[in-house]
Amino acid sequence: MGKGRLRLILDGDSDVCVAVISDEGEMADVEFCVPFSGGGRSPKVREALLNLCRAIREENETNPIPD
């Protein structure tokens, strides 16, 4: 298995975007939208992804990956 990357983005509308990026730069992504802007079919998944974003941020602050 390669060393692809997982990218989580919280955009300006508070939607959560998840992208999987291969070693070659190919990308597949999905967006979980807030309920009030026409989306929001998966509010529990969106909240779980927000919690994942918070956990990653906290881990990076307390245990950063060396450059």
PDB file of N, CA and C in Angstrom:
ATOM      1  N   MET A   1       0.842  -1.165   0.000  1.00  0.00           N
ATOM      2  CA  MET A   1       0.000   0.000   0.000  1.00  0.00           C
ATOM      3  C   MET A   1       0.892   1.235   0.000  1.00  0.00           C
ATOM      4  N   GLY A   2       0.501   2.237  -0.759  1.00  0.00           N
ATOM      5  CA  GLY A   2       1.283   3.459  -0.864  1.00  0.00           C
ATOM      6  C   GLY A   2       1.106   4.367   0.333  1.00  0.00           C
ATOM      7  N   LYS A   3       1.706   5.519   0.218  1.00  0.00           N
ATOM      8  CA  LYS A   3       1.632   6.499   1.295  1.00  0.00           C
ATOM      9  C   LYS A   3       0.776   7.673   0.858  1.00  0.00           C
ATOM     10  N   GLY A   4      -0.465   7.410   0.538  1.00  0.00           N
ATOM     11  CA  GLY A   4      -1.383   8.471   0.160  1.00  0.00           C
ATOM     12  C   GLY A   4      -1.679   9.370   1.346  1.00  0.00           C
ATOM     13  N   ARG A   5      -2.509  10.356   1.104  1.00  0.00           N
ATOM     14  CA  ARG A   5      -2.841  11.320   2.153  1.00  0.00           C
ATOM     15  C   ARG A   5      -4.349  11.453   2.284  1.00  0.00           C
ATOM     16  N   LEU A   6      -4.767  11.792   3.467  1.00  0.00           N
ATOM     17  CA  LEU A   6      -6.155  12.109   3.754  1.00  0.00           C
ATOM     18  C   LEU A   6      -6.194  13.587   4.100  1.00  0.00           C
ATOM     19  N   ARG A   7      -7.058  14.327   3.436  1.00  0.00           N
ATOM     20  CA  ARG A   7      -7.175  15.766   3.692  1.00  0.00           C
ATOM     21  C   ARG A   7      -8.586  16.056   4.190  1.00  0.00           C
ATOM     22  N   LEU A   8      -8.667  16.735   5.324  1.00  0.00           N
ATOM     23  CA  LEU A   8      -9.940  17.187   5.880  1.00  0.00           C
ATOM     24  C   LEU A   8      -9.940  18.701   5.839  1.00  0.00           C
ATOM     25  N   ILE A   9     -10.991  19.273   5.287  1.00  0.00           N
ATOM     26  CA  ILE A   9     -11.084  20.725   5.159  1.00  0.00           C
ATOM     27  C   ILE A   9     -12.418  21.181   5.737  1.00  0.00           C
ATOM     28  N   LEU A  10     -12.364  22.175   6.589  1.00  0.00           N
ATOM     29  CA  LEU A  10     -13.564  22.846   7.069  1.00  0.00           C
ATOM     30  C   LEU A  10     -13.637  24.156   6.312  1.00  0.00           C
ATOM     31  N   ASP A  11     -14.613  24.272   5.401  1.00  0.00           N
ATOM     32  CA  ASP A  11     -14.654  25.465   4.550  1.00  0.00           C
ATOM     33  C   ASP A  11     -15.399  26.613   5.231  1.00  0.00           C
ATOM     34  N   GLY A  12     -15.484  27.722   4.563  1.00  0.00           N
ATOM     35  CA  GLY A  12     -16.090  28.925   5.116  1.00  0.00           C
ATOM     36  C   GLY A  12     -17.565  28.792   5.440  1.00  0.00           C
ATOM     37  N   ASP A  13     -18.243  27.831   4.826  1.00  0.00           N
ATOM     38  CA  ASP A  13     -19.666  27.586   5.095  1.00  0.00           C
ATOM     39  C   ASP A  13     -19.871  26.552   6.194  1.00  0.00           C
ATOM     40  N   SER A  14     -18.775  26.115   6.817  1.00  0.00           N
ATOM     41  CA  SER A  14     -18.779  25.062   7.845  1.00  0.00           C
ATOM     42  C   SER A  14     -19.098  23.688   7.283  1.00  0.00           C
ATOM     43  N   ASP A  15     -18.963  23.522   5.972  1.00  0.00           N
ATOM     44  CA  ASP A  15     -19.052  22.197   5.374  1.00  0.00           C
ATOM     45  C   ASP A  15     -17.725  21.487   5.614  1.00  0.00           C
ATOM     46  N   VAL A  16     -17.761  20.165   5.695  1.00  0.00           N
ATOM     47  CA  VAL A  16     -16.547  19.381   5.881  1.00  0.00           C
ATOM     48  C   VAL A  16     -16.274  18.624   4.588  1.00  0.00           C
ATOM     49  N   CYS A  17     -15.088  18.808   4.045  1.00  0.00           N
ATOM     50  CA  CYS A  17     -14.673  18.123   2.824  1.00  0.00           C
ATOM     51  C   CYS A  17     -13.604  17.099   3.184  1.00  0.00           C
ATOM     52  N   VAL A  18     -13.746  15.894   2.663  1.00  0.00           N
ATOM     53  CA  VAL A  18     -12.783  14.826   2.879  1.00  0.00           C
ATOM     54  C   VAL A  18     -12.231  14.431   1.519  1.00  0.00           C
ATOM     55  N   ALA A  19     -10.910  14.422   1.402  1.00  0.00           N
ATOM     56  CA  ALA A  19     -10.271  14.026   0.149  1.00  0.00           C
ATOM     57  C   ALA A  19      -9.233  12.953   0.434  1.00  0.00           C
ATOM     58  N   VAL A  20      -9.164  11.968  -0.438  1.00  0.00           N
ATOM     59  CA  VAL A  20      -8.124  10.949  -0.399  1.00  0.00           C
ATOM     60  C   VAL A  20      -7.245  11.195  -1.609  1.00  0.00           C
ATOM     61  N   ILE A  21      -5.946  11.366  -1.370  1.00  0.00           N
ATOM     62  CA  ILE A  21      -5.008  11.717  -2.430  1.00  0.00           C
ATOM     63  C   ILE A  21      -3.969  10.611  -2.540  1.00  0.00           C
ATOM     64  N   SER A  22      -3.824  10.059  -3.737  1.00  0.00           N
ATOM     65  CA  SER A  22      -2.868   8.979  -3.957  1.00  0.00           C
ATOM     66  C   SER A  22      -1.453   9.533  -4.070  1.00  0.00           C
ATOM     67  N   ASP A  23      -0.477   8.639  -4.062  1.00  0.00           N
ATOM     68  CA  ASP A  23       0.924   9.026  -4.255  1.00  0.00           C
ATOM     69  C   ASP A  23       1.121   9.763  -5.572  1.00  0.00           C
ATOM     70  N   GLU A  24       0.318   9.409  -6.570  1.00  0.00           N
ATOM     71  CA  GLU A  24       0.438  10.007  -7.899  1.00  0.00           C
ATOM     72  C   GLU A  24      -0.300  11.336  -8.013  1.00  0.00           C
ATOM     73  N   GLY A  25      -0.999  11.740  -6.959  1.00  0.00           N
ATOM     74  CA  GLY A  25      -1.711  13.009  -6.972  1.00  0.00           C
ATOM     75  C   GLY A  25      -3.166  12.913  -7.395  1.00  0.00           C
ATOM     76  N   GLU A  26      -3.646  11.704  -7.680  1.00  0.00           N
ATOM     77  CA  GLU A  26      -5.058  11.542  -8.014  1.00  0.00           C
ATOM     78  C   GLU A  26      -5.885  11.736  -6.744  1.00  0.00           C
ATOM     79  N   MET A  27      -7.057  12.339  -6.898  1.00  0.00           N
ATOM     80  CA  MET A  27      -7.840  12.680  -5.722  1.00  0.00           C
ATOM     81  C   MET A  27      -9.306  12.307  -5.908  1.00  0.00           C
ATOM     82  N   ALA A  28      -9.893  11.811  -4.842  1.00  0.00           N
ATOM     83  CA  ALA A  28     -11.339  11.592  -4.768  1.00  0.00           C
ATOM     84  C   ALA A  28     -11.806  12.300  -3.505  1.00  0.00           C
ATOM     85  N   ASP A  29     -12.922  13.021  -3.605  1.00  0.00           N
ATOM     86  CA  ASP A  29     -13.370  13.761  -2.431  1.00  0.00           C
ATOM     87  C   ASP A  29     -14.883  13.725  -2.299  1.00  0.00           C
ATOM     88  N   VAL A  30     -15.328  14.027  -1.087  1.00  0.00           N
ATOM     89  CA  VAL A  30     -16.748  14.080  -0.766  1.00  0.00           C
ATOM     90  C   VAL A  30     -16.948  15.232   0.217  1.00  0.00           C
ATOM     91  N   GLU A  31     -18.122  15.855   0.158  1.00  0.00           N
ATOM     92  CA  GLU A  31     -18.405  17.014   0.999  1.00  0.00           C
ATOM     93  C   GLU A  31     -19.643  16.748   1.847  1.00  0.00           C
ATOM     94  N   PHE A  32     -19.547  17.063   3.130  1.00  0.00           N
ATOM     95  CA  PHE A  32     -20.664  16.934   4.057  1.00  0.00           C
ATOM     96  C   PHE A  32     -21.087  18.341   4.439  1.00  0.00           C
ATOM     97  N   CYS A  33     -22.301  18.713   4.037  1.00  0.00           N
ATOM     98  CA  CYS A  33     -22.774  20.094   4.164  1.00  0.00           C
ATOM     99  C   CYS A  33     -23.598  20.296   5.429  1.00  0.00           C
ATOM    100  N   VAL A  34     -23.649  21.562   5.845  1.00  0.00           N
ATOM    101  CA  VAL A  34     -24.514  21.913   6.975  1.00  0.00           C
ATOM    102  C   VAL A  34     -25.967  21.823   6.516  1.00  0.00           C
ATOM    103  N   PRO A  35     -26.873  21.486   7.413  1.00  0.00           N
ATOM    104  CA  PRO A  35     -28.269  21.281   7.018  1.00  0.00           C
ATOM    105  C   PRO A  35     -28.970  22.516   6.467  1.00  0.00           C
ATOM    106  N   PHE A  36     -28.563  23.698   6.854  1.00  0.00           N
ATOM    107  CA  PHE A  36     -29.303  24.904   6.506  1.00  0.00           C
ATOM    108  C   PHE A  36     -28.982  25.457   5.126  1.00  0.00           C
ATOM    109  N   SER A  37     -28.015  24.883   4.433  1.00  0.00           N
ATOM    110  CA  SER A  37     -27.621  25.421   3.125  1.00  0.00           C
ATOM    111  C   SER A  37     -27.985  24.479   1.984  1.00  0.00           C
ATOM    112  N   GLY A  38     -28.981  23.650   2.187  1.00  0.00           N
ATOM    113  CA  GLY A  38     -29.431  22.773   1.118  1.00  0.00           C
ATOM    114  C   GLY A  38     -28.846  21.377   1.188  1.00  0.00           C
ATOM    115  N   GLY A  39     -27.964  21.128   2.118  1.00  0.00           N
ATOM    116  CA  GLY A  39     -27.357  19.806   2.258  1.00  0.00           C
ATOM    117  C   GLY A  39     -27.768  19.198   3.580  1.00  0.00           C
ATOM    118  N   GLY A  40     -26.829  18.541   4.206  1.00  0.00           N
ATOM    119  CA  GLY A  40     -27.062  18.050   5.546  1.00  0.00           C
ATOM    120  C   GLY A  40     -27.774  16.722   5.651  1.00  0.00           C
ATOM    121  N   ARG A  41     -27.557  15.847   4.684  1.00  0.00           N
ATOM    122  CA  ARG A  41     -28.208  14.537   4.742  1.00  0.00           C
ATOM    123  C   ARG A  41     -27.520  13.600   5.729  1.00  0.00           C
ATOM    124  N   SER A  42     -26.308  13.960   6.176  1.00  0.00           N
ATOM    125  CA  SER A  42     -25.558  13.098   7.097  1.00  0.00           C
ATOM    126  C   SER A  42     -25.017  13.908   8.273  1.00  0.00           C
ATOM    127  N   PRO A  43     -25.888  14.457   9.109  1.00  0.00           N
ATOM    128  CA  PRO A  43     -25.405  15.321  10.192  1.00  0.00           C
ATOM    129  C   PRO A  43     -24.526  14.603  11.210  1.00  0.00           C
ATOM    130  N   LYS A  44     -24.783  13.327  11.475  1.00  0.00           N
ATOM    131  CA  LYS A  44     -23.949  12.588  12.432  1.00  0.00           C
ATOM    132  C   LYS A  44     -22.548  12.364  11.872  1.00  0.00           C
ATOM    133  N   VAL A  45     -22.464  12.071  10.586  1.00  0.00           N
ATOM    134  CA  VAL A  45     -21.152  11.886   9.956  1.00  0.00           C
ATOM    135  C   VAL A  45     -20.396  13.203   9.946  1.00  0.00           C
ATOM    136  N   ARG A  46     -21.085  14.291   9.618  1.00  0.00           N
ATOM    137  CA  ARG A  46     -20.448  15.608   9.607  1.00  0.00           C
ATOM    138  C   ARG A  46     -19.905  15.950  10.993  1.00  0.00           C
ATOM    139  N   GLU A  47     -20.691  15.705  12.030  1.00  0.00           N
ATOM    140  CA  GLU A  47     -20.241  15.990  13.401  1.00  0.00           C
ATOM    141  C   GLU A  47     -19.045  15.118  13.774  1.00  0.00           C
ATOM    142  N   ALA A  48     -19.059  13.854  13.368  1.00  0.00           N
ATOM    143  CA  ALA A  48     -17.923  12.968  13.640  1.00  0.00           C
ATOM    144  C   ALA A  48     -16.666  13.460  12.926  1.00  0.00           C
ATOM    145  N   LEU A  49     -16.817  13.951  11.701  1.00  0.00           N
ATOM    146  CA  LEU A  49     -15.666  14.485  10.970  1.00  0.00           C
ATOM    147  C   LEU A  49     -15.144  15.761  11.624  1.00  0.00           C
ATOM    148  N   LEU A  50     -16.042  16.598  12.139  1.00  0.00           N
ATOM    149  CA  LEU A  50     -15.606  17.781  12.884  1.00  0.00           C
ATOM    150  C   LEU A  50     -14.809  17.370  14.118  1.00  0.00           C
ATOM    151  N   ASN A  51     -15.265  16.339  14.809  1.00  0.00           N
ATOM    152  CA  ASN A  51     -14.524  15.839  15.969  1.00  0.00           C
ATOM    153  C   ASN A  51     -13.163  15.297  15.560  1.00  0.00           C
ATOM    154  N   LEU A  52     -13.101  14.637  14.403  1.00  0.00           N
ATOM    155  CA  LEU A  52     -11.820  14.152  13.893  1.00  0.00           C
ATOM    156  C   LEU A  52     -10.889  15.317  13.587  1.00  0.00           C
ATOM    157  N   CYS A  53     -11.411  16.375  12.969  1.00  0.00           N
ATOM    158  CA  CYS A  53     -10.599  17.572  12.693  1.00  0.00           C
ATOM    159  C   CYS A  53     -10.039  18.148  13.987  1.00  0.00           C
ATOM    160  N   ARG A  54     -10.874  18.242  14.997  1.00  0.00           N
ATOM    161  CA  ARG A  54     -10.429  18.776  16.295  1.00  0.00           C
ATOM    162  C   ARG A  54      -9.348  17.892  16.908  1.00  0.00           C
ATOM    163  N   ALA A  55      -9.544  16.586  16.846  1.00  0.00           N
ATOM    164  CA  ALA A  55      -8.571  15.658  17.423  1.00  0.00           C
ATOM    165  C   ALA A  55      -7.230  15.751  16.699  1.00  0.00           C
ATOM    166  N   ILE A  56      -7.265  15.835  15.378  1.00  0.00           N
ATOM    167  CA  ILE A  56      -6.022  15.959  14.609  1.00  0.00           C
ATOM    168  C   ILE A  56      -5.318  17.258  14.968  1.00  0.00           C
ATOM    169  N   ARG A  57      -6.063  18.349  15.059  1.00  0.00           N
ATOM    170  CA  ARG A  57      -5.474  19.647  15.420  1.00  0.00           C
ATOM    171  C   ARG A  57      -4.808  19.563  16.792  1.00  0.00           C
ATOM    172  N   GLU A  58      -5.497  18.970  17.772  1.00  0.00           N
ATOM    173  CA  GLU A  58      -4.938  18.838  19.119  1.00  0.00           C
ATOM    174  C   GLU A  58      -3.691  17.963  19.120  1.00  0.00           C
ATOM    175  N   GLU A  59      -3.727  16.853  18.380  1.00  0.00           N
ATOM    176  CA  GLU A  59      -2.558  15.974  18.296  1.00  0.00           C
ATOM    177  C   GLU A  59      -1.372  16.698  17.671  1.00  0.00           C
ATOM    178  N   ASN A  60      -1.633  17.470  16.631  1.00  0.00           N
ATOM    179  CA  ASN A  60      -0.552  18.206  15.973  1.00  0.00           C
ATOM    180  C   ASN A  60       0.045  19.265  16.889  1.00  0.00           C
ATOM    181  N   GLU A  61      -0.779  19.848  17.762  1.00  0.00           N
ATOM    182  CA  GLU A  61      -0.269  20.844  18.705  1.00  0.00           C
ATOM    183  C   GLU A  61       0.580  20.203  19.795  1.00  0.00           C
ATOM    184  N   THR A  62       0.152  19.046  20.289  1.00  0.00           N
ATOM    185  CA  THR A  62       0.862  18.406  21.399  1.00  0.00           C
ATOM    186  C   THR A  62       1.955  17.449  20.953  1.00  0.00           C
ATOM    187  N   ASN A  63       1.853  16.949  19.736  1.00  0.00           N
ATOM    188  CA  ASN A  63       2.828  15.977  19.240  1.00  0.00           C
ATOM    189  C   ASN A  63       3.045  16.197  17.745  1.00  0.00           C
ATOM    190  N   PRO A  64       3.675  17.324  17.362  1.00  0.00           N
ATOM    191  CA  PRO A  64       3.820  17.638  15.941  1.00  0.00           C
ATOM    192  C   PRO A  64       4.732  16.651  15.207  1.00  0.00           C
ATOM    193  N   ILE A  65       4.460  16.493  13.928  1.00  0.00           N
ATOM    194  CA  ILE A  65       5.299  15.651  13.072  1.00  0.00           C
ATOM    195  C   ILE A  65       6.515  16.475  12.667  1.00  0.00           C
ATOM    196  N   PRO A  66       7.726  15.974  12.918  1.00  0.00           N
ATOM    197  CA  PRO A  66       8.922  16.738  12.548  1.00  0.00           C
ATOM    198  C   PRO A  66       9.038  16.897  11.033  1.00  0.00           C
ATOM    199  N   ASP A  67       9.555  18.046  10.615  1.00  0.00           N
ATOM    200  CA  ASP A  67       9.754  18.303   9.177  1.00  0.00           C
ATOM    201  C   ASP A  67      10.936  17.546   8.638  1.00  0.00           C
TER     202      ASP A  67
END
